[in-house]
Full PDB file with SEQRES, HELIX, SHEET, SSBOND, CRYST1, ORIGX, SCALE, CONECT and MASTER records, all heavy atoms in Angstrom:
SEQRES   1 A   32  ASP GLU THR GLN GLY GLY ARG ARG LYS TYR TYR ARG ILE          
SEQRES   2 A   32  THR GLU ASN GLY ILE GLU LYS TYR GLU GLU ASN ARG LYS          
SEQRES   3 A   32  GLU TRP GLU VAL ALA LYS                                      
HELIX    1 AA1 GLU A   15  ALA A   31  1                                  17    
CRYST1    1.000    1.000    1.000  90.00  90.00  90.00 P 1           1          
ORIGX1      1.000000  0.000000  0.000000        0.00000                         
ORIGX2      0.000000  1.000000  0.000000        0.00000                         
ORIGX3      0.000000  0.000000  1.000000        0.00000                         
SCALE1      1.000000  0.000000  0.000000        0.00000                         
SCALE2      0.000000  1.000000  0.000000        0.00000                         
SCALE3      0.000000  0.000000  1.000000        0.00000                         
ATOM      1  N   ASP A   1       7.472 -89.084  56.955  1.00  0.00           N  
ATOM      2  CA  ASP A   1       6.916 -90.515  57.157  1.00  0.00           C  
ATOM      3  C   ASP A   1       5.510 -90.429  57.811  1.00  0.00           C  
ATOM      4  O   ASP A   1       5.236 -91.141  58.756  1.00  0.00           O  
ATOM      5  CB  ASP A   1       7.891 -91.414  57.926  1.00  0.00           C  
ATOM      6  CG  ASP A   1       8.254 -90.859  59.282  1.00  0.00           C  
ATOM      7  OD1 ASP A   1       7.736 -89.707  59.618  1.00  0.00           O  
ATOM      8  OD2 ASP A   1       8.881 -91.604  60.059  1.00  0.00           O  
ATOM      9  N   GLU A   2       4.653 -89.595  57.302  1.00  0.00           N  
ATOM     10  CA  GLU A   2       3.309 -89.436  57.844  1.00  0.00           C  
ATOM     11  C   GLU A   2       2.591 -90.766  57.749  1.00  0.00           C  
ATOM     12  O   GLU A   2       2.662 -91.434  56.758  1.00  0.00           O  
ATOM     13  CB  GLU A   2       2.512 -88.399  57.057  1.00  0.00           C  
ATOM     14  CG  GLU A   2       2.968 -86.996  57.297  1.00  0.00           C  
ATOM     15  CD  GLU A   2       4.198 -86.578  56.540  1.00  0.00           C  
ATOM     16  OE1 GLU A   2       4.601 -87.299  55.573  1.00  0.00           O  
ATOM     17  OE2 GLU A   2       4.815 -85.605  56.894  1.00  0.00           O  
ATOM     18  N   THR A   3       1.938 -91.083  58.778  1.00  0.00           N  
ATOM     19  CA  THR A   3       1.139 -92.350  58.838  1.00  0.00           C  
ATOM     20  C   THR A   3      -0.266 -92.142  58.261  1.00  0.00           C  
ATOM     21  O   THR A   3      -0.833 -93.120  57.851  1.00  0.00           O  
ATOM     22  CB  THR A   3       1.023 -92.867  60.317  1.00  0.00           C  
ATOM     23  OG1 THR A   3       0.531 -91.945  61.123  1.00  0.00           O  
ATOM     24  CG2 THR A   3       2.377 -93.348  60.790  1.00  0.00           C  
ATOM     25  N   GLN A   4      -0.752 -90.914  58.264  1.00  0.00           N  
ATOM     26  CA  GLN A   4      -2.073 -90.688  57.698  1.00  0.00           C  
ATOM     27  C   GLN A   4      -1.872 -89.511  56.670  1.00  0.00           C  
ATOM     28  O   GLN A   4      -1.131 -88.627  56.880  1.00  0.00           O  
ATOM     29  CB  GLN A   4      -3.016 -90.256  58.733  1.00  0.00           C  
ATOM     30  CG  GLN A   4      -3.317 -91.381  59.765  1.00  0.00           C  
ATOM     31  CD  GLN A   4      -4.399 -91.018  60.686  1.00  0.00           C  
ATOM     32  OE1 GLN A   4      -4.974 -89.927  60.671  1.00  0.00           O  
ATOM     33  NE2 GLN A   4      -4.691 -91.955  61.564  1.00  0.00           N  
ATOM     34  N   GLY A   5      -2.695 -89.584  55.615  1.00  0.00           N  
ATOM     35  CA  GLY A   5      -2.619 -88.552  54.595  1.00  0.00           C  
ATOM     36  C   GLY A   5      -1.460 -88.761  53.637  1.00  0.00           C  
ATOM     37  O   GLY A   5      -0.668 -89.733  53.785  1.00  0.00           O  
ATOM     38  N   GLY A   6      -1.210 -87.832  52.746  1.00  0.00           N  
ATOM     39  CA  GLY A   6      -0.168 -87.871  51.757  1.00  0.00           C  
ATOM     40  C   GLY A   6       1.163 -87.580  52.393  1.00  0.00           C  
ATOM     41  O   GLY A   6       1.278 -86.883  53.381  1.00  0.00           O  
ATOM     42  N   ARG A   7       2.222 -88.173  51.734  1.00  0.00           N  
ATOM     43  CA  ARG A   7       3.585 -87.894  52.249  1.00  0.00           C  
ATOM     44  C   ARG A   7       3.926 -86.408  51.941  1.00  0.00           C  
ATOM     45  O   ARG A   7       3.590 -85.889  50.843  1.00  0.00           O  
ATOM     46  CB  ARG A   7       4.565 -88.776  51.640  1.00  0.00           C  
ATOM     47  CG  ARG A   7       4.490 -90.215  52.154  1.00  0.00           C  
ATOM     48  CD  ARG A   7       5.465 -91.121  51.519  1.00  0.00           C  
ATOM     49  NE  ARG A   7       6.825 -90.744  51.729  1.00  0.00           N  
ATOM     50  CZ  ARG A   7       7.841 -91.112  50.954  1.00  0.00           C  
ATOM     51  NH1 ARG A   7       7.671 -91.900  49.960  1.00  0.00           N  
ATOM     52  NH2 ARG A   7       9.065 -90.685  51.247  1.00  0.00           N  
ATOM     53  N   ARG A   8       4.649 -85.807  52.857  1.00  0.00           N  
ATOM     54  CA  ARG A   8       5.090 -84.369  52.619  1.00  0.00           C  
ATOM     55  C   ARG A   8       6.556 -84.300  52.369  1.00  0.00           C  
ATOM     56  O   ARG A   8       7.328 -85.062  53.014  1.00  0.00           O  
ATOM     57  CB  ARG A   8       4.725 -83.564  53.918  1.00  0.00           C  
ATOM     58  CG  ARG A   8       3.282 -83.431  54.171  1.00  0.00           C  
ATOM     59  CD  ARG A   8       2.996 -82.578  55.427  1.00  0.00           C  
ATOM     60  NE  ARG A   8       1.572 -82.407  55.667  1.00  0.00           N  
ATOM     61  CZ  ARG A   8       1.052 -82.437  56.782  1.00  0.00           C  
ATOM     62  NH1 ARG A   8       1.781 -82.612  57.854  1.00  0.00           N  
ATOM     63  NH2 ARG A   8      -0.262 -82.307  56.933  1.00  0.00           N  
ATOM     64  N   LYS A   9       6.932 -83.417  51.509  1.00  0.00           N  
ATOM     65  CA  LYS A   9       8.393 -83.206  51.291  1.00  0.00           C  
ATOM     66  C   LYS A   9       8.774 -82.051  52.155  1.00  0.00           C  
ATOM     67  O   LYS A   9       8.154 -80.925  52.101  1.00  0.00           O  
ATOM     68  CB  LYS A   9       8.600 -82.761  49.819  1.00  0.00           C  
ATOM     69  CG  LYS A   9       9.979 -82.732  49.388  1.00  0.00           C  
ATOM     70  CD  LYS A   9      10.125 -82.485  47.962  1.00  0.00           C  
ATOM     71  CE  LYS A   9      11.446 -82.778  47.388  1.00  0.00           C  
ATOM     72  NZ  LYS A   9      11.621 -82.563  45.952  1.00  0.00           N  
ATOM     73  N   TYR A  10       9.759 -82.271  53.048  1.00  0.00           N  
ATOM     74  CA  TYR A  10      10.261 -81.305  53.958  1.00  0.00           C  
ATOM     75  C   TYR A  10      11.530 -80.734  53.463  1.00  0.00           C  
ATOM     76  O   TYR A  10      12.284 -81.297  52.743  1.00  0.00           O  
ATOM     77  CB  TYR A  10      10.493 -82.002  55.373  1.00  0.00           C  
ATOM     78  CG  TYR A  10       9.200 -82.339  56.107  1.00  0.00           C  
ATOM     79  CD1 TYR A  10       8.588 -83.387  55.861  1.00  0.00           C  
ATOM     80  CD2 TYR A  10       8.776 -81.449  57.106  1.00  0.00           C  
ATOM     81  CE1 TYR A  10       7.325 -83.700  56.570  1.00  0.00           C  
ATOM     82  CE2 TYR A  10       7.597 -81.723  57.748  1.00  0.00           C  
ATOM     83  CZ  TYR A  10       6.909 -82.829  57.492  1.00  0.00           C  
ATOM     84  OH  TYR A  10       5.769 -83.137  58.162  1.00  0.00           O  
ATOM     85  N   TYR A  11      11.713 -79.435  53.952  1.00  0.00           N  
ATOM     86  CA  TYR A  11      12.914 -78.706  53.439  1.00  0.00           C  
ATOM     87  C   TYR A  11      13.723 -78.363  54.728  1.00  0.00           C  
ATOM     88  O   TYR A  11      13.121 -78.031  55.787  1.00  0.00           O  
ATOM     89  CB  TYR A  11      12.534 -77.468  52.699  1.00  0.00           C  
ATOM     90  CG  TYR A  11      11.795 -77.800  51.439  1.00  0.00           C  
ATOM     91  CD1 TYR A  11      10.397 -77.885  51.438  1.00  0.00           C  
ATOM     92  CD2 TYR A  11      12.476 -78.094  50.295  1.00  0.00           C  
ATOM     93  CE1 TYR A  11       9.712 -78.236  50.226  1.00  0.00           C  
ATOM     94  CE2 TYR A  11      11.787 -78.418  49.156  1.00  0.00           C  
ATOM     95  CZ  TYR A  11      10.474 -78.542  49.120  1.00  0.00           C  
ATOM     96  OH  TYR A  11       9.786 -78.935  47.963  1.00  0.00           O  
ATOM     97  N   ARG A  12      15.019 -78.339  54.564  1.00  0.00           N  
ATOM     98  CA  ARG A  12      15.935 -78.022  55.673  1.00  0.00           C  
ATOM     99  C   ARG A  12      17.034 -77.079  55.182  1.00  0.00           C  
ATOM    100  O   ARG A  12      17.548 -77.340  54.080  1.00  0.00           O  
ATOM    101  CB  ARG A  12      16.590 -79.364  56.242  1.00  0.00           C  
ATOM    102  CG  ARG A  12      17.702 -79.135  57.237  1.00  0.00           C  
ATOM    103  CD  ARG A  12      18.371 -80.480  57.681  1.00  0.00           C  
ATOM    104  NE  ARG A  12      17.303 -81.229  58.367  1.00  0.00           N  
ATOM    105  CZ  ARG A  12      17.256 -82.566  58.226  1.00  0.00           C  
ATOM    106  NH1 ARG A  12      18.002 -83.224  57.444  1.00  0.00           N  
ATOM    107  NH2 ARG A  12      16.298 -83.178  58.904  1.00  0.00           N  
ATOM    108  N   ILE A  13      17.359 -76.086  55.884  1.00  0.00           N  
ATOM    109  CA  ILE A  13      18.375 -75.200  55.537  1.00  0.00           C  
ATOM    110  C   ILE A  13      19.751 -75.815  55.738  1.00  0.00           C  
ATOM    111  O   ILE A  13      19.943 -76.598  56.679  1.00  0.00           O  
ATOM    112  CB  ILE A  13      18.269 -73.829  56.337  1.00  0.00           C  
ATOM    113  CG1 ILE A  13      19.144 -72.739  55.667  1.00  0.00           C  
ATOM    114  CG2 ILE A  13      18.559 -74.028  57.742  1.00  0.00           C  
ATOM    115  CD1 ILE A  13      18.949 -71.301  56.209  1.00  0.00           C  
ATOM    116  N   THR A  14      20.732 -75.658  54.942  1.00  0.00           N  
ATOM    117  CA  THR A  14      22.078 -76.098  55.064  1.00  0.00           C  
ATOM    118  C   THR A  14      22.989 -74.997  55.605  1.00  0.00           C  
ATOM    119  O   THR A  14      22.598 -73.893  55.794  1.00  0.00           O  
ATOM    120  CB  THR A  14      22.649 -76.563  53.677  1.00  0.00           C  
ATOM    121  OG1 THR A  14      22.755 -75.375  52.815  1.00  0.00           O  
ATOM    122  CG2 THR A  14      21.777 -77.529  52.891  1.00  0.00           C  
ATOM    123  N   GLU A  15      24.243 -75.425  55.941  1.00  0.00           N  
ATOM    124  CA  GLU A  15      25.184 -74.477  56.469  1.00  0.00           C  
ATOM    125  C   GLU A  15      25.433 -73.332  55.451  1.00  0.00           C  
ATOM    126  O   GLU A  15      25.438 -72.201  55.809  1.00  0.00           O  
ATOM    127  CB  GLU A  15      26.545 -75.098  56.777  1.00  0.00           C  
ATOM    128  CG  GLU A  15      26.480 -76.024  58.109  1.00  0.00           C  
ATOM    129  CD  GLU A  15      26.156 -75.066  59.265  1.00  0.00           C  
ATOM    130  OE1 GLU A  15      26.734 -74.023  59.424  1.00  0.00           O  
ATOM    131  OE2 GLU A  15      25.399 -75.607  60.139  1.00  0.00           O  
ATOM    132  N   ASN A  16      25.485 -73.690  54.114  1.00  0.00           N  
ATOM    133  CA  ASN A  16      25.626 -72.725  53.117  1.00  0.00           C  
ATOM    134  C   ASN A  16      24.402 -71.761  53.066  1.00  0.00           C  
ATOM    135  O   ASN A  16      24.506 -70.608  52.817  1.00  0.00           O  
ATOM    136  CB  ASN A  16      25.818 -73.361  51.765  1.00  0.00           C  
ATOM    137  CG  ASN A  16      27.207 -73.917  51.519  1.00  0.00           C  
ATOM    138  OD1 ASN A  16      28.109 -73.590  52.290  1.00  0.00           O  
ATOM    139  ND2 ASN A  16      27.298 -74.810  50.598  1.00  0.00           N  
ATOM    140  N   GLY A  17      23.218 -72.359  53.278  1.00  0.00           N  
ATOM    141  CA  GLY A  17      22.016 -71.590  53.323  1.00  0.00           C  
ATOM    142  C   GLY A  17      22.013 -70.608  54.475  1.00  0.00           C  
ATOM    143  O   GLY A  17      21.554 -69.486  54.362  1.00  0.00           O  
ATOM    144  N   ILE A  18      22.490 -71.018  55.681  1.00  0.00           N  
ATOM    145  CA  ILE A  18      22.586 -70.122  56.804  1.00  0.00           C  
ATOM    146  C   ILE A  18      23.540 -68.943  56.550  1.00  0.00           C  
ATOM    147  O   ILE A  18      23.219 -67.741  56.816  1.00  0.00           O  
ATOM    148  CB  ILE A  18      23.028 -70.884  58.076  1.00  0.00           C  
ATOM    149  CG1 ILE A  18      21.921 -71.823  58.520  1.00  0.00           C  
ATOM    150  CG2 ILE A  18      23.380 -69.863  59.214  1.00  0.00           C  
ATOM    151  CD1 ILE A  18      22.332 -72.831  59.552  1.00  0.00           C  
ATOM    152  N   GLU A  19      24.675 -69.249  55.868  1.00  0.00           N  
ATOM    153  CA  GLU A  19      25.675 -68.205  55.497  1.00  0.00           C  
ATOM    154  C   GLU A  19      25.063 -67.253  54.475  1.00  0.00           C  
ATOM    155  O   GLU A  19      25.165 -66.034  54.626  1.00  0.00           O  
ATOM    156  CB  GLU A  19      26.889 -68.818  54.880  1.00  0.00           C  
ATOM    157  CG  GLU A  19      27.744 -69.647  55.906  1.00  0.00           C  
ATOM    158  CD  GLU A  19      28.932 -70.377  55.310  1.00  0.00           C  
ATOM    159  OE1 GLU A  19      29.271 -70.116  54.104  1.00  0.00           O  
ATOM    160  OE2 GLU A  19      29.494 -71.222  56.053  1.00  0.00           O  
ATOM    161  N   LYS A  20      24.279 -67.804  53.493  1.00  0.00           N  
ATOM    162  CA  LYS A  20      23.626 -66.975  52.507  1.00  0.00           C  
ATOM    163  C   LYS A  20      22.554 -66.076  53.137  1.00  0.00           C  
ATOM    164  O   LYS A  20      22.492 -64.885  52.834  1.00  0.00           O  
ATOM    165  CB  LYS A  20      23.020 -67.849  51.416  1.00  0.00           C  
ATOM    166  CG  LYS A  20      22.254 -67.123  50.354  1.00  0.00           C  
ATOM    167  CD  LYS A  20      23.339 -66.267  49.505  1.00  0.00           C  
ATOM    168  CE  LYS A  20      22.737 -65.658  48.284  1.00  0.00           C  
ATOM    169  NZ  LYS A  20      23.615 -64.826  47.622  1.00  0.00           N  
ATOM    170  N   TYR A  21      21.832 -66.637  54.138  1.00  0.00           N  
ATOM    171  CA  TYR A  21      20.808 -65.830  54.814  1.00  0.00           C  
ATOM    172  C   TYR A  21      21.433 -64.710  55.509  1.00  0.00           C  
ATOM    173  O   TYR A  21      21.009 -63.518  55.486  1.00  0.00           O  
ATOM    174  CB  TYR A  21      20.065 -66.609  55.792  1.00  0.00           C  
ATOM    175  CG  TYR A  21      19.292 -65.813  56.817  1.00  0.00           C  
ATOM    176  CD1 TYR A  21      18.067 -65.250  56.400  1.00  0.00           C  
ATOM    177  CD2 TYR A  21      19.791 -65.476  58.049  1.00  0.00           C  
ATOM    178  CE1 TYR A  21      17.416 -64.407  57.269  1.00  0.00           C  
ATOM    179  CE2 TYR A  21      19.110 -64.628  58.898  1.00  0.00           C  
ATOM    180  CZ  TYR A  21      17.898 -64.118  58.549  1.00  0.00           C  
ATOM    181  OH  TYR A  21      17.295 -63.221  59.377  1.00  0.00           O  
ATOM    182  N   GLU A  22      22.519 -64.923  56.188  1.00  0.00           N  
ATOM    183  CA  GLU A  22      23.234 -63.838  56.978  1.00  0.00           C  
ATOM    184  C   GLU A  22      23.786 -62.767  56.068  1.00  0.00           C  
ATOM    185  O   GLU A  22      23.712 -61.553  56.309  1.00  0.00           O  
ATOM    186  CB  GLU A  22      24.436 -64.426  57.828  1.00  0.00           C  
ATOM    187  CG  GLU A  22      23.886 -65.245  59.009  1.00  0.00           C  
ATOM    188  CD  GLU A  22      23.080 -64.440  60.034  1.00  0.00           C  
ATOM    189  OE1 GLU A  22      23.370 -63.158  60.118  1.00  0.00           O  
ATOM    190  OE2 GLU A  22      22.253 -65.017  60.696  1.00  0.00           O  
ATOM    191  N   GLU A  23      24.388 -63.241  54.900  1.00  0.00           N  
ATOM    192  CA  GLU A  23      24.872 -62.272  53.875  1.00  0.00           C  
ATOM    193  C   GLU A  23      23.753 -61.332  53.370  1.00  0.00           C  
ATOM    194  O   GLU A  23      23.873 -60.159  53.206  1.00  0.00           O  
ATOM    195  CB  GLU A  23      25.543 -63.109  52.803  1.00  0.00           C  
ATOM    196  CG  GLU A  23      26.049 -62.274  51.575  1.00  0.00           C  
ATOM    197  CD  GLU A  23      26.535 -63.229  50.553  1.00  0.00           C  
ATOM    198  OE1 GLU A  23      27.271 -64.226  50.828  1.00  0.00           O  
ATOM    199  OE2 GLU A  23      26.252 -63.018  49.325  1.00  0.00           O  
ATOM    200  N   ASN A  24      22.666 -62.052  53.016  1.00  0.00           N  
ATOM    201  CA  ASN A  24      21.524 -61.344  52.424  1.00  0.00           C  
ATOM    202  C   ASN A  24      20.872 -60.374  53.411  1.00  0.00           C  
ATOM    203  O   ASN A  24      20.483 -59.267  53.083  1.00  0.00           O  
ATOM    204  CB  ASN A  24      20.406 -62.283  51.923  1.00  0.00           C  
ATOM    205  CG  ASN A  24      20.866 -63.018  50.644  1.00  0.00           C  
ATOM    206  OD1 ASN A  24      21.927 -62.761  50.080  1.00  0.00           O  
ATOM    207  ND2 ASN A  24      19.952 -63.901  50.231  1.00  0.00           N  
ATOM    208  N   ARG A  25      20.816 -60.773  54.692  1.00  0.00           N  
ATOM    209  CA  ARG A  25      20.263 -59.976  55.798  1.00  0.00           C  
ATOM    210  C   ARG A  25      21.104 -58.735  55.899  1.00  0.00           C  
ATOM    211  O   ARG A  25      20.563 -57.557  56.020  1.00  0.00           O  
ATOM    212  CB  ARG A  25      20.157 -60.703  57.012  1.00  0.00           C  
ATOM    213  CG  ARG A  25      19.429 -59.967  58.104  1.00  0.00           C  
ATOM    214  CD  ARG A  25      19.419 -60.540  59.452  1.00  0.00           C  
ATOM    215  NE  ARG A  25      20.740 -60.745  59.905  1.00  0.00           N  
ATOM    216  CZ  ARG A  25      21.556 -59.811  60.451  1.00  0.00           C  
ATOM    217  NH1 ARG A  25      21.032 -58.587  60.462  1.00  0.00           N  
ATOM    218  NH2 ARG A  25      22.683 -60.013  60.899  1.00  0.00           N  
ATOM    219  N   LYS A  26      22.458 -58.776  55.890  1.00  0.00           N  
ATOM    220  CA  LYS A  26      23.304 -57.659  56.045  1.00  0.00           C  
ATOM    221  C   LYS A  26      23.131 -56.698  54.803  1.00  0.00           C  
ATOM    222  O   LYS A  26      23.039 -55.506  55.059  1.00  0.00           O  
ATOM    223  CB  LYS A  26      24.706 -58.177  56.170  1.00  0.00           C  
ATOM    224  CG  LYS A  26      25.045 -58.766  57.503  1.00  0.00           C  
ATOM    225  CD  LYS A  26      26.471 -59.283  57.639  1.00  0.00           C  
ATOM    226  CE  LYS A  26      26.611 -60.035  58.849  1.00  0.00           C  
ATOM    227  NZ  LYS A  26      27.871 -60.775  58.948  1.00  0.00           N  
ATOM    228  N   GLU A  27      23.042 -57.298  53.622  1.00  0.00           N  
ATOM    229  CA  GLU A  27      22.851 -56.445  52.462  1.00  0.00           C  
ATOM    230  C   GLU A  27      21.494 -55.746  52.516  1.00  0.00           C  
ATOM    231  O   GLU A  27      21.416 -54.596  52.161  1.00  0.00           O  
ATOM    232  CB  GLU A  27      22.910 -57.315  51.191  1.00  0.00           C  
ATOM    233  CG  GLU A  27      24.281 -57.820  50.845  1.00  0.00           C  
ATOM    234  CD  GLU A  27      24.291 -58.714  49.653  1.00  0.00           C  
ATOM    235  OE1 GLU A  27      23.291 -58.907  48.908  1.00  0.00           O  
ATOM    236  OE2 GLU A  27      25.366 -59.219  49.306  1.00  0.00           O  
ATOM    237  N   TRP A  28      20.467 -56.420  53.019  1.00  0.00           N  
ATOM    238  CA  TRP A  28      19.154 -55.804  53.187  1.00  0.00           C  
ATOM    239  C   TRP A  28      19.175 -54.637  54.164  1.00  0.00           C  
ATOM    240  O   TRP A  28      18.624 -53.574  53.865  1.00  0.00           O  
ATOM    241  CB  TRP A  28      18.172 -56.910  53.666  1.00  0.00           C  
ATOM    242  CG  TRP A  28      16.798 -56.307  53.920  1.00  0.00           C  
ATOM    243  CD1 TRP A  28      15.836 -55.920  52.930  1.00  0.00           C  
ATOM    244  CD2 TRP A  28      16.227 -55.903  55.219  1.00  0.00           C  
ATOM    245  NE1 TRP A  28      14.692 -55.436  53.638  1.00  0.00           N  
ATOM    246  CE2 TRP A  28      15.028 -55.435  54.962  1.00  0.00           C  
ATOM    247  CE3 TRP A  28      16.747 -56.030  56.445  1.00  0.00           C  
ATOM    248  CZ2 TRP A  28      14.119 -54.997  56.046  1.00  0.00           C  
ATOM    249  CZ3 TRP A  28      16.000 -55.677  57.534  1.00  0.00           C  
ATOM    250  CH2 TRP A  28      14.653 -55.056  57.281  1.00  0.00           C  
ATOM    251  N   GLU A  29      19.964 -54.791  55.247  1.00  0.00           N  
ATOM    252  CA  GLU A  29      20.047 -53.674  56.217  1.00  0.00           C  
ATOM    253  C   GLU A  29      20.698 -52.387  55.563  1.00  0.00           C  
ATOM    254  O   GLU A  29      20.155 -51.299  55.736  1.00  0.00           O  
ATOM    255  CB  GLU A  29      20.872 -54.133  57.371  1.00  0.00           C  
ATOM    256  CG  GLU A  29      20.276 -55.085  58.317  1.00  0.00           C  
ATOM    257  CD  GLU A  29      19.107 -54.537  59.109  1.00  0.00           C  
ATOM    258  OE1 GLU A  29      18.928 -53.277  59.286  1.00  0.00           O  
ATOM    259  OE2 GLU A  29      18.298 -55.394  59.589  1.00  0.00           O  
ATOM    260  N   VAL A  30      21.695 -52.625  54.763  1.00  0.00           N  
ATOM    261  CA  VAL A  30      22.350 -51.512  54.155  1.00  0.00           C  
ATOM    262  C   VAL A  30      21.332 -50.889  53.050  1.00  0.00           C  
ATOM    263  O   VAL A  30      21.178 -49.697  53.025  1.00  0.00           O  
ATOM    264  CB  VAL A  30      23.629 -51.941  53.409  1.00  0.00           C  
ATOM    265  CG1 VAL A  30      24.239 -50.901  52.470  1.00  0.00           C  
ATOM    266  CG2 VAL A  30      24.672 -52.390  54.444  1.00  0.00           C  
ATOM    267  N   ALA A  31      20.712 -51.745  52.279  1.00  0.00           N  
ATOM    268  CA  ALA A  31      19.820 -51.254  51.270  1.00  0.00           C  
ATOM    269  C   ALA A  31      18.634 -50.536  51.896  1.00  0.00           C  
ATOM    270  O   ALA A  31      18.198 -49.511  51.342  1.00  0.00           O  
ATOM    271  CB  ALA A  31      19.290 -52.417  50.462  1.00  0.00           C  
ATOM    272  N   LYS A  32      18.119 -51.064  53.019  1.00  0.00           N  
ATOM    273  CA  LYS A  32      17.036 -50.415  53.720  1.00  0.00           C  
ATOM    274  C   LYS A  32      17.402 -48.930  54.109  1.00  0.00           C  
ATOM    275  O   LYS A  32      16.640 -48.034  53.926  1.00  0.00           O  
ATOM    276  CB  LYS A  32      16.616 -51.239  54.947  1.00  0.00           C  
ATOM    277  CG  LYS A  32      15.437 -50.670  55.718  1.00  0.00           C  
ATOM    278  CD  LYS A  32      15.093 -51.568  56.848  1.00  0.00           C  
ATOM    279  CE  LYS A  32      16.210 -51.609  57.944  1.00  0.00           C  
ATOM    280  NZ  LYS A  32      15.783 -52.079  59.246  1.00  0.00           N  
TER     281      LYS A  32                                                      
MASTER        0    0    0    1    0    0    0    6  280    1    0    3          
END                                                                             
């Protein structure tokens, strides 16, 4: 709800997104 300039679309991580991040991070550690 910016009062000046164009409106911005914001993004927020969900609980599923947090779980996916943790899963991907663990897979990355193994792959690394």
